[in-house]
Amino acid sequence: MIGINTAIFTRDGGSLGIGFAIPSDMVRVVVAASVSGGRLVRPWFGATSQTVSADIAQSLACRGPLGAVLAAGRARQPADARASGATTS
């Protein structure tokens, strides 16, 4: 086994989308931890993103509307510079 499917991204609901899977090595670690009474803590970045529209791409001088931009950071979460003690200029 290579991984366990978790989600499929598709524009029209068909099966010709992009699949996302959890690697089998990670599944093995999670199962072993749960069997031995361990605790699993999932990572959390604490920010949301926004799809780059044509207007956003133009305002940022990008070649085209591709990707995503950081839309908002949540207070007291890892992406919040104040929470980590980081400084911005």
Protein backbone atom coordinates (compact mmCIF):
# COMPACT_ATOMS: atom_id res chain seq x y z
CA MET A 1 0.00 0.00 0.00
CA ILE A 2 1.25 3.49 -0.85
CA GLY A 3 -1.36 5.58 0.96
CA ILE A 4 -4.97 5.96 2.03
CA ASN A 5 -7.11 8.23 -0.15
CA THR A 6 -8.58 11.14 1.79
CA ALA A 7 -9.96 13.57 -0.80
CA ILE A 8 -10.30 14.19 -4.52
CA PHE A 9 -10.25 17.68 -6.04
CA THR A 10 -12.31 17.89 -9.19
CA ARG A 11 -14.09 20.72 -10.97
CA ASP A 12 -17.14 18.76 -12.13
CA GLY A 13 -17.48 15.92 -9.63
CA GLY A 14 -15.97 13.32 -11.97
CA SER A 15 -13.16 10.95 -11.18
CA LEU A 16 -10.53 12.75 -13.27
CA GLY A 17 -9.39 15.07 -10.49
CA ILE A 18 -6.37 15.36 -8.25
CA GLY A 19 -6.27 12.83 -5.42
CA PHE A 20 -4.85 13.41 -1.95
CA ALA A 21 -3.70 10.56 0.26
CA ILE A 22 -2.13 9.99 3.65
CA PRO A 23 1.23 8.21 3.19
CA SER A 24 1.21 4.64 4.50
CA ASP A 25 4.22 5.37 6.76
CA MET A 26 2.22 8.10 8.51
CA VAL A 27 -0.77 5.77 8.88
CA ARG A 28 1.52 3.17 10.47
CA VAL A 29 2.77 5.72 13.05
CA VAL A 30 -0.76 6.94 13.87
CA VAL A 31 -2.10 3.41 14.28
CA ALA A 32 0.85 2.42 16.50
CA ALA A 33 0.35 5.53 18.65
CA SER A 34 -3.37 4.92 19.06
CA VAL A 35 -2.85 1.26 19.97
CA SER A 36 -0.29 2.19 22.63
CA GLY A 37 -2.51 4.95 24.07
CA GLY A 38 -0.53 7.81 22.52
CA ARG A 39 -1.99 11.16 21.56
CA LEU A 40 -2.08 12.52 18.00
CA VAL A 41 -1.82 16.29 17.59
CA ARG A 42 -2.52 17.52 14.09
CA PRO A 43 -0.52 20.53 12.86
CA TRP A 44 -2.32 23.86 12.58
CA PHE A 45 -0.95 26.90 10.75
CA GLY A 46 -3.72 29.28 11.76
CA ALA A 47 -4.25 31.17 8.52
CA THR A 48 -6.64 31.20 5.60
CA SER A 49 -5.86 31.65 1.94
CA GLN A 50 -7.68 33.16 -1.02
CA THR A 51 -7.54 32.06 -4.64
CA VAL A 52 -5.64 34.52 -6.83
CA SER A 53 -8.18 36.17 -9.12
CA ALA A 54 -7.33 38.10 -12.28
CA ASP A 55 -7.65 41.38 -10.33
CA ILE A 56 -5.34 40.19 -7.54
CA ALA A 57 -2.80 38.87 -10.07
CA GLN A 58 -2.79 42.22 -11.87
CA SER A 59 -2.40 44.21 -8.64
CA LEU A 60 0.55 42.01 -7.60
CA ALA A 61 2.11 42.09 -11.10
CA CYS A 62 1.78 38.32 -11.46
CA ARG A 63 1.75 36.60 -14.85
CA GLY A 64 -1.70 35.16 -14.33
CA PRO A 65 -4.40 34.21 -11.84
CA LEU A 66 -2.68 31.13 -10.38
CA GLY A 67 -2.14 29.99 -6.81
CA ALA A 68 -3.27 31.50 -3.55
CA VAL A 69 -2.40 34.40 -1.27
CA LEU A 70 -2.47 34.55 2.51
CA ALA A 71 -5.83 36.14 3.26
CA ALA A 72 -5.82 36.29 7.06
CA GLY A 73 -3.92 35.09 10.06
CA ARG A 74 -5.80 34.10 13.17
CA ALA A 75 -4.89 35.72 16.48
CA ARG A 76 -2.75 33.65 18.84
CA GLN A 77 -2.18 30.89 16.26
CA PRO A 78 1.17 29.76 14.74
CA ALA A 79 0.84 32.10 11.72
CA ASP A 80 0.37 35.09 14.03
CA ALA A 81 3.75 36.81 14.43
CA ARG A 82 2.68 38.11 17.85
CA ALA A 83 2.06 34.55 19.09
CA SER A 84 5.54 33.34 18.15
CA GLY A 85 7.39 36.44 19.29
CA ALA A 86 8.51 37.11 15.72
CA THR A 87 8.75 40.64 14.46
CA THR A 88 7.81 42.07 11.09
CA SER A 89 9.26 45.09 9.33
